[in-house]
N, C-alpha and C. Protein backbone atom coordinates (compact mmCIF):
# COMPACT_ATOMS: atom_id res chain seq x y z
N MET A 1 17.90 33.81 -23.11
CA MET A 1 17.27 32.62 -22.01
C MET A 1 18.48 31.98 -21.32
N VAL A 2 19.13 32.15 -19.92
CA VAL A 2 19.61 31.29 -20.11
C VAL A 2 19.54 29.77 -18.35
N TYR A 3 20.11 28.70 -19.36
CA TYR A 3 19.69 27.49 -18.85
C TYR A 3 20.56 26.93 -18.05
N HIS A 4 20.28 26.67 -16.95
CA HIS A 4 20.97 26.11 -15.79
C HIS A 4 21.01 24.35 -15.62
N THR A 5 21.61 23.99 -16.67
CA THR A 5 22.05 22.37 -17.13
C THR A 5 22.06 21.69 -16.09
N GLY A 6 23.56 22.59 -15.09
CA GLY A 6 24.01 21.50 -13.65
C GLY A 6 22.55 21.19 -13.14
N LEU A 7 22.08 22.38 -13.00
CA LEU A 7 20.56 22.00 -11.53
C LEU A 7 19.67 21.33 -12.46
N MET A 8 19.14 21.03 -13.85
CA MET A 8 18.39 20.44 -14.43
C MET A 8 18.84 19.79 -14.59
N ASP A 9 20.02 19.12 -14.70
CA ASP A 9 20.57 17.41 -14.78
C ASP A 9 20.71 16.70 -12.74
N LEU A 10 20.53 17.34 -11.89
CA LEU A 10 20.19 17.39 -10.42
C LEU A 10 19.38 16.45 -10.46
N PHE A 11 18.11 18.05 -10.92
CA PHE A 11 16.57 17.32 -10.69
C PHE A 11 15.86 15.95 -11.58
N GLY A 12 17.16 15.91 -12.84
CA GLY A 12 16.58 14.68 -13.39
C GLY A 12 16.54 13.24 -12.47
N ALA A 13 18.32 13.28 -12.24
CA ALA A 13 18.42 12.47 -11.33
C ALA A 13 18.11 12.21 -10.20
N PHE A 14 17.02 13.37 -9.24
CA PHE A 14 16.68 13.11 -8.68
C PHE A 14 14.87 12.73 -8.55
N MET A 15 15.10 12.79 -9.69
CA MET A 15 13.35 12.19 -10.58
C MET A 15 13.67 10.97 -11.12
N LEU A 16 14.59 10.29 -11.70
CA LEU A 16 14.93 9.43 -11.89
C LEU A 16 15.00 8.11 -10.69
N PHE A 17 15.64 8.89 -9.77
CA PHE A 17 15.76 7.57 -7.90
C PHE A 17 14.81 7.63 -7.35
N PHE A 18 13.61 8.94 -7.69
CA PHE A 18 12.45 8.56 -7.19
C PHE A 18 11.52 7.59 -7.80
N ALA A 19 12.02 8.08 -9.22
CA ALA A 19 10.60 6.80 -9.76
C ALA A 19 11.29 5.34 -9.71
N VAL A 20 12.45 5.29 -9.30
CA VAL A 20 12.80 3.61 -9.23
C VAL A 20 12.37 3.01 -7.59
N LEU A 21 12.80 4.48 -7.10
CA LEU A 21 11.97 3.75 -5.44
C LEU A 21 10.92 3.81 -5.81
N ALA A 22 10.22 4.35 -6.36
CA ALA A 22 8.46 4.12 -6.23
C ALA A 22 8.18 2.87 -6.80
N LEU A 23 8.82 2.05 -8.00
CA LEU A 23 8.98 1.19 -8.25
C LEU A 23 9.40 -0.03 -8.01
N ALA A 24 9.85 0.03 -7.34
CA ALA A 24 10.31 -1.04 -6.24
C ALA A 24 9.56 -1.24 -5.23
N ALA A 25 9.10 -0.52 -4.87
CA ALA A 25 8.78 -0.38 -3.30
C ALA A 25 6.40 -0.93 -4.11
N TYR A 26 6.45 -0.69 -5.39
CA TYR A 26 5.32 -0.59 -6.03
C TYR A 26 5.23 -2.07 -6.34
N ILE A 27 6.46 -2.98 -6.63
CA ILE A 27 6.99 -4.51 -6.75
C ILE A 27 6.72 -5.07 -5.21
N TYR A 28 7.28 -4.66 -4.52
CA TYR A 28 7.88 -5.25 -3.26
C TYR A 28 5.82 -5.70 -2.37
N THR A 29 5.32 -3.94 -2.94
CA THR A 29 4.16 -4.62 -2.28
C THR A 29 2.78 -5.32 -2.72
N ALA A 30 3.17 -5.50 -4.52
CA ALA A 30 2.30 -6.74 -4.86
C ALA A 30 2.53 -7.69 -4.82
N ILE A 31 4.02 -7.97 -3.89
CA ILE A 31 4.53 -9.80 -3.91
C ILE A 31 4.20 -9.48 -2.79
N VAL A 32 4.07 -8.60 -1.16
CA VAL A 32 3.42 -9.12 -0.42
C VAL A 32 1.59 -9.43 -0.74
N LEU A 33 1.13 -8.61 -1.41
CA LEU A 33 0.28 -8.79 -0.97
C LEU A 33 -0.70 -10.38 -1.75
N MET A 34 0.31 -10.80 -2.95
CA MET A 34 0.14 -12.16 -3.51
C MET A 34 0.35 -12.99 -2.01
N ALA A 35 1.02 -12.90 -1.20
CA ALA A 35 2.15 -13.50 -0.02
C ALA A 35 0.80 -13.70 0.94
N LEU A 36 0.27 -12.62 1.01
CA LEU A 36 -0.83 -12.89 2.00
C LEU A 36 -1.94 -13.31 1.39
N ALA A 37 -2.20 -13.09 0.57
CA ALA A 37 -3.44 -14.06 -0.21
C ALA A 37 -3.28 -15.33 -0.34
N LYS A 38 -2.59 -15.92 -0.57
CA LYS A 38 -1.66 -17.00 -0.52
C LYS A 38 -2.37 -18.13 1.24
N LYS A 39 -1.32 -17.31 1.75
CA LYS A 39 -1.64 -17.08 3.76
C LYS A 39 -2.60 -17.42 3.89
N THR A 40 -3.56 -16.72 3.21
CA THR A 40 -5.00 -16.42 4.04
C THR A 40 -6.02 -17.17 3.64
N LYS A 41 -5.22 -17.81 2.29
CA LYS A 41 -6.26 -18.59 1.04
C LYS A 41 -6.97 -17.92 0.59
N THR A 42 -7.07 -16.83 0.25
CA THR A 42 -7.71 -15.50 -0.70
C THR A 42 -7.61 -15.73 -1.80
N PRO A 43 -9.11 -16.10 -2.61
CA PRO A 43 -8.13 -16.26 -3.99
C PRO A 43 -8.21 -15.13 -4.39
N ASN A 44 -7.77 -15.36 -5.83
CA ASN A 44 -6.81 -13.96 -7.05
C ASN A 44 -5.57 -12.94 -6.22
N GLY A 45 -4.73 -13.32 -5.40
CA GLY A 45 -3.46 -12.31 -4.77
C GLY A 45 -3.38 -12.31 -6.38
N TRP A 46 -3.33 -13.06 -7.96
CA TRP A 46 -2.86 -11.43 -8.79
C TRP A 46 -3.05 -10.68 -9.06
N LEU A 47 -4.24 -9.57 -8.19
CA LEU A 47 -4.86 -8.63 -8.31
C LEU A 47 -3.79 -7.69 -7.08
N GLY A 48 -2.61 -8.00 -6.63
CA GLY A 48 -1.70 -6.99 -6.20
C GLY A 48 -1.29 -6.35 -7.11
N TRP A 49 -0.87 -7.04 -8.45
CA TRP A 49 -0.19 -5.80 -9.38
C TRP A 49 -0.82 -4.97 -9.98
N ILE A 50 -2.65 -4.46 -9.80
CA ILE A 50 -3.21 -4.16 -10.61
C ILE A 50 -3.77 -2.97 -9.59
N PRO A 51 -3.70 -1.70 -10.28
CA PRO A 51 -4.42 -1.10 -9.70
C PRO A 51 -5.38 -0.64 -9.32
N ILE A 52 -5.84 -0.73 -8.71
CA ILE A 52 -6.99 -0.29 -7.99
C ILE A 52 -7.72 -1.86 -7.75
N GLY A 53 -7.32 -2.95 -8.55
CA GLY A 53 -7.64 -4.33 -8.11
C GLY A 53 -6.63 -4.61 -6.54
N ASN A 54 -5.46 -4.08 -6.50
CA ASN A 54 -5.25 -4.31 -5.22
C ASN A 54 -5.69 -3.67 -4.02
N ILE A 55 -6.39 -2.58 -3.99
CA ILE A 55 -7.02 -1.84 -2.88
C ILE A 55 -8.90 -3.12 -3.07
N TYR A 56 -9.11 -3.34 -4.36
CA TYR A 56 -10.21 -4.80 -4.21
C TYR A 56 -9.53 -5.88 -3.20
N LEU A 57 -8.31 -6.28 -3.62
CA LEU A 57 -7.55 -7.59 -2.92
C LEU A 57 -7.40 -7.00 -1.23
N LEU A 58 -7.19 -6.27 -0.91
CA LEU A 58 -7.07 -5.78 0.53
C LEU A 58 -8.38 -5.97 1.28
N THR A 59 -9.85 -5.29 0.60
CA THR A 59 -10.48 -5.45 1.13
C THR A 59 -11.00 -7.05 1.62
N GLN A 60 -10.73 -7.71 0.23
CA GLN A 60 -10.77 -9.28 0.34
C GLN A 60 -10.23 -9.92 1.61
N LEU A 61 -8.79 -9.32 1.79
CA LEU A 61 -7.97 -10.12 3.04
C LEU A 61 -8.42 -9.19 4.11
N ALA A 62 -8.92 -8.33 4.38
CA ALA A 62 -9.95 -7.56 5.68
C ALA A 62 -11.02 -8.43 5.95
N LYS A 63 -11.33 -9.13 4.59
CA LYS A 63 -12.91 -10.29 5.22
C LYS A 63 -13.97 -8.89 5.18
N LEU A 64 -13.56 -7.75 3.89
CA LEU A 64 -14.81 -6.30 3.89
C LEU A 64 -15.84 -7.26 1.96
N SER A 65 -16.56 -5.89 2.93
CA SER A 65 -17.64 -6.52 0.72
C SER A 65 -16.59 -5.61 -0.08
N GLY A 66 -16.34 -5.90 -1.48
CA GLY A 66 -15.68 -5.12 -2.23
C GLY A 66 -16.28 -3.76 -2.74
N TRP A 67 -17.52 -3.54 -1.81
CA TRP A 67 -18.01 -1.98 -2.31
C TRP A 67 -16.91 -1.26 -1.26
N TRP A 68 -16.37 -1.68 -0.66
CA TRP A 68 -15.14 -0.89 -0.13
C TRP A 68 -14.36 -0.66 -1.20
N THR A 69 -13.92 -1.08 -2.06
CA THR A 69 -12.39 -0.66 -2.35
C THR A 69 -13.31 0.93 -3.38
N PHE A 70 -14.06 1.14 -3.55
CA PHE A 70 -14.76 2.57 -3.79
C PHE A 70 -14.63 3.91 -3.12
N ALA A 71 -13.94 2.98 -2.20
CA ALA A 71 -12.82 4.20 -0.72
C ALA A 71 -12.27 4.96 -1.58
N PHE A 72 -11.62 4.57 -2.11
CA PHE A 72 -10.25 4.85 -2.71
C PHE A 72 -10.45 6.42 -3.18
N LEU A 73 -12.00 6.07 -3.42
CA LEU A 73 -12.42 7.87 -4.33
C LEU A 73 -12.62 9.05 -3.43
N ILE A 74 -12.96 8.78 -1.87
CA ILE A 74 -12.56 9.20 -1.00
C ILE A 74 -10.96 10.28 -1.27
N ALA A 75 -10.68 9.80 -1.30
CA ALA A 75 -9.16 10.31 -1.38
C ALA A 75 -8.94 11.57 -2.32
N PHE A 76 -10.14 11.75 -2.81
CA PHE A 76 -10.14 12.79 -4.64
C PHE A 76 -10.81 14.11 -3.63
N PHE A 77 -10.88 13.75 -2.45
CA PHE A 77 -11.69 15.16 -2.07
C PHE A 77 -10.56 16.23 -1.15
N PRO A 78 -10.76 17.29 -1.60
CA PRO A 78 -9.42 18.15 -1.24
C PRO A 78 -9.76 18.41 -0.22
N MET A 79 -8.60 17.88 1.09
CA MET A 79 -7.67 18.14 2.14
C MET A 79 -8.08 17.19 2.93
N VAL A 80 -9.39 16.83 3.12
CA VAL A 80 -10.12 15.40 4.30
C VAL A 80 -9.96 14.67 3.67
N GLY A 81 -9.92 14.28 1.68
CA GLY A 81 -10.54 12.89 1.23
C GLY A 81 -8.65 11.88 2.16
N ALA A 82 -7.92 12.56 2.14
CA ALA A 82 -6.13 11.63 1.87
C ALA A 82 -6.19 11.33 3.24
N VAL A 83 -6.96 12.06 4.20
CA VAL A 83 -6.69 11.91 5.96
C VAL A 83 -7.85 10.53 6.11
N ALA A 84 -9.06 10.82 5.31
CA ALA A 84 -10.21 9.74 5.45
C ALA A 84 -9.66 8.68 5.05
N PHE A 85 -8.69 8.40 3.67
CA PHE A 85 -8.99 7.70 3.01
C PHE A 85 -7.53 6.59 3.71
N THR A 86 -6.44 7.27 4.59
CA THR A 86 -5.53 6.88 5.22
C THR A 86 -5.81 6.23 6.93
N GLY A 87 -7.21 7.01 6.71
CA GLY A 87 -7.92 6.09 8.30
C GLY A 87 -8.46 4.75 7.97
N ILE A 88 -9.70 4.81 6.10
CA ILE A 88 -9.64 3.77 6.36
C ILE A 88 -8.62 2.68 6.05
N MET A 89 -7.95 2.78 5.40
CA MET A 89 -6.78 1.93 4.98
C MET A 89 -6.19 1.56 6.49
N VAL A 90 -5.62 1.99 7.71
CA VAL A 90 -5.38 1.67 8.90
C VAL A 90 -6.23 1.11 9.14
N TRP A 91 -7.29 0.97 8.92
CA TRP A 91 -8.83 -0.19 9.15
C TRP A 91 -8.57 -1.25 9.01
N TRP A 92 -8.29 -1.35 7.49
CA TRP A 92 -8.10 -2.40 6.80
C TRP A 92 -7.17 -3.63 7.45
N TRP A 93 -5.95 -2.92 7.61
CA TRP A 93 -4.48 -3.46 7.83
C TRP A 93 -4.48 -3.75 9.52
N TRP A 94 -5.50 -2.52 10.09
CA TRP A 94 -5.86 -3.42 11.40
C TRP A 94 -6.59 -4.77 11.57
N LEU A 95 -7.64 -5.48 10.51
CA LEU A 95 -8.35 -6.20 10.43
C LEU A 95 -7.78 -7.39 9.63
N ILE A 96 -6.63 -6.76 8.71
CA ILE A 96 -5.71 -8.00 8.01
C ILE A 96 -4.96 -8.28 9.10
N ALA A 97 -4.49 -7.61 9.95
CA ALA A 97 -3.25 -8.36 11.41
C ALA A 97 -3.63 -9.44 12.02
N GLU A 98 -5.52 -8.63 12.63
CA GLU A 98 -5.78 -9.91 13.29
C GLU A 98 -6.31 -10.98 13.24
N ARG A 99 -6.73 -10.44 11.72
CA ARG A 99 -6.33 -11.96 10.83
C ARG A 99 -5.58 -12.92 10.93
N LEU A 100 -4.58 -12.98 10.76
CA LEU A 100 -3.34 -13.52 10.88
C LEU A 100 -2.72 -13.62 12.58
N LYS A 101 -3.61 -13.11 13.50
CA LYS A 101 -3.40 -13.03 14.97
C LYS A 101 -1.92 -12.88 14.96
N LYS A 102 -1.97 -11.22 14.74
CA LYS A 102 -1.28 -10.76 15.06
C LYS A 102 -1.52 -9.02 16.24
N PRO A 103 -1.30 -8.25 16.43
CA PRO A 103 -1.98 -6.92 17.21
C PRO A 103 -2.48 -6.12 15.97
N GLY A 104 -3.94 -6.20 16.80
CA GLY A 104 -4.47 -5.04 15.53
C GLY A 104 -3.86 -3.85 15.29
N TYR A 105 -3.32 -2.89 16.13
CA TYR A 105 -2.73 -1.75 15.75
C TYR A 105 -1.60 -2.04 15.32
N TRP A 106 -0.81 -3.05 14.86
CA TRP A 106 0.27 -2.81 14.28
C TRP A 106 -0.73 -2.09 12.62
N GLY A 107 -1.61 -2.31 12.60
CA GLY A 107 -2.79 -1.12 11.28
C GLY A 107 -1.56 0.05 11.49
N LEU A 108 -1.92 0.58 12.64
CA LEU A 108 -1.44 1.97 13.09
C LEU A 108 -0.14 2.29 12.35
N LEU A 109 0.98 1.46 12.06
CA LEU A 109 1.72 1.47 11.91
C LEU A 109 1.94 1.63 9.83
N MET A 110 0.96 1.60 9.58
CA MET A 110 1.40 1.48 7.81
C MET A 110 1.05 2.65 7.40
N VAL A 111 1.12 3.43 8.55
CA VAL A 111 1.17 5.49 8.80
C VAL A 111 2.37 5.58 8.13
N LEU A 112 3.76 5.23 8.33
CA LEU A 112 4.61 5.41 8.93
C LEU A 112 5.27 4.46 7.80
N PRO A 113 5.79 6.08 6.89
CA PRO A 113 7.17 5.19 5.72
C PRO A 113 8.67 4.65 6.38
N GLY A 114 8.66 3.56 5.69
CA GLY A 114 9.53 2.38 6.06
C GLY A 114 9.12 1.62 6.79
N VAL A 115 8.78 2.05 7.67
CA VAL A 115 8.04 1.00 8.98
C VAL A 115 6.90 0.09 8.79
N ASN A 116 6.20 0.59 7.75
CA ASN A 116 5.02 0.35 6.64
C ASN A 116 5.39 -1.04 5.57
N LEU A 117 6.61 -1.10 5.06
CA LEU A 117 7.04 -2.29 4.42
C LEU A 117 7.63 -3.46 5.12
N VAL A 118 8.27 -2.85 6.84
CA VAL A 118 8.43 -3.69 7.34
C VAL A 118 7.24 -4.61 8.02
N VAL A 119 6.49 -3.69 7.90
CA VAL A 119 5.23 -4.41 8.96
C VAL A 119 4.41 -5.58 7.74
N MET A 120 4.42 -4.88 6.57
CA MET A 120 4.04 -5.32 5.58
C MET A 120 4.63 -6.95 5.65
N GLY A 121 5.85 -7.02 5.14
CA GLY A 121 6.74 -8.13 5.13
C GLY A 121 6.79 -9.13 6.60
N VAL A 122 6.49 -8.30 7.66
CA VAL A 122 6.01 -9.78 8.86
C VAL A 122 4.73 -10.45 8.64
N LEU A 123 3.92 -9.74 8.41
CA LEU A 123 2.81 -10.22 8.32
C LEU A 123 2.27 -11.10 6.88
N ALA A 124 3.42 -10.79 6.36
CA ALA A 124 2.67 -11.73 5.15
C ALA A 124 4.40 -13.13 4.41
N TRP A 125 5.46 -12.55 6.02
CA TRP A 125 6.09 -13.98 5.42
C TRP A 125 6.62 -14.47 7.15
N GLY A 126 6.08 -13.71 8.16
CA GLY A 126 6.44 -13.78 9.54
C GLY A 126 5.59 -15.06 9.61
N LYS A 127 5.91 -16.11 10.90
CA LYS A 127 5.03 -17.02 11.45
C LYS A 127 4.11 -16.12 12.54
């Protein structure tokens, strides 16, 4: 059996790079959620660090019932689930933007990679 160690090394390097990138995005998002909770005087901002807890915090920031947290289960339905949950997340961010006196359509920008990080930062730390 022949192993292509150079190719495996390259794959490992890419995996490490994307793991670090994902961790950085997770940390940034948690800090943003905590800042948004502080800005809107929403209790339990520390939930931004906990998986599923951060979804609950989003519902609280959007002034929705905590039961909306279970909407993440929609994402597990094949084909349409991810699209449906993305639509729900856009709606939540729309409500959060309006709560912060920003245009609601900023929630639509949350589907654009990279742009969503900028929009979250502006919502959290902008005037």
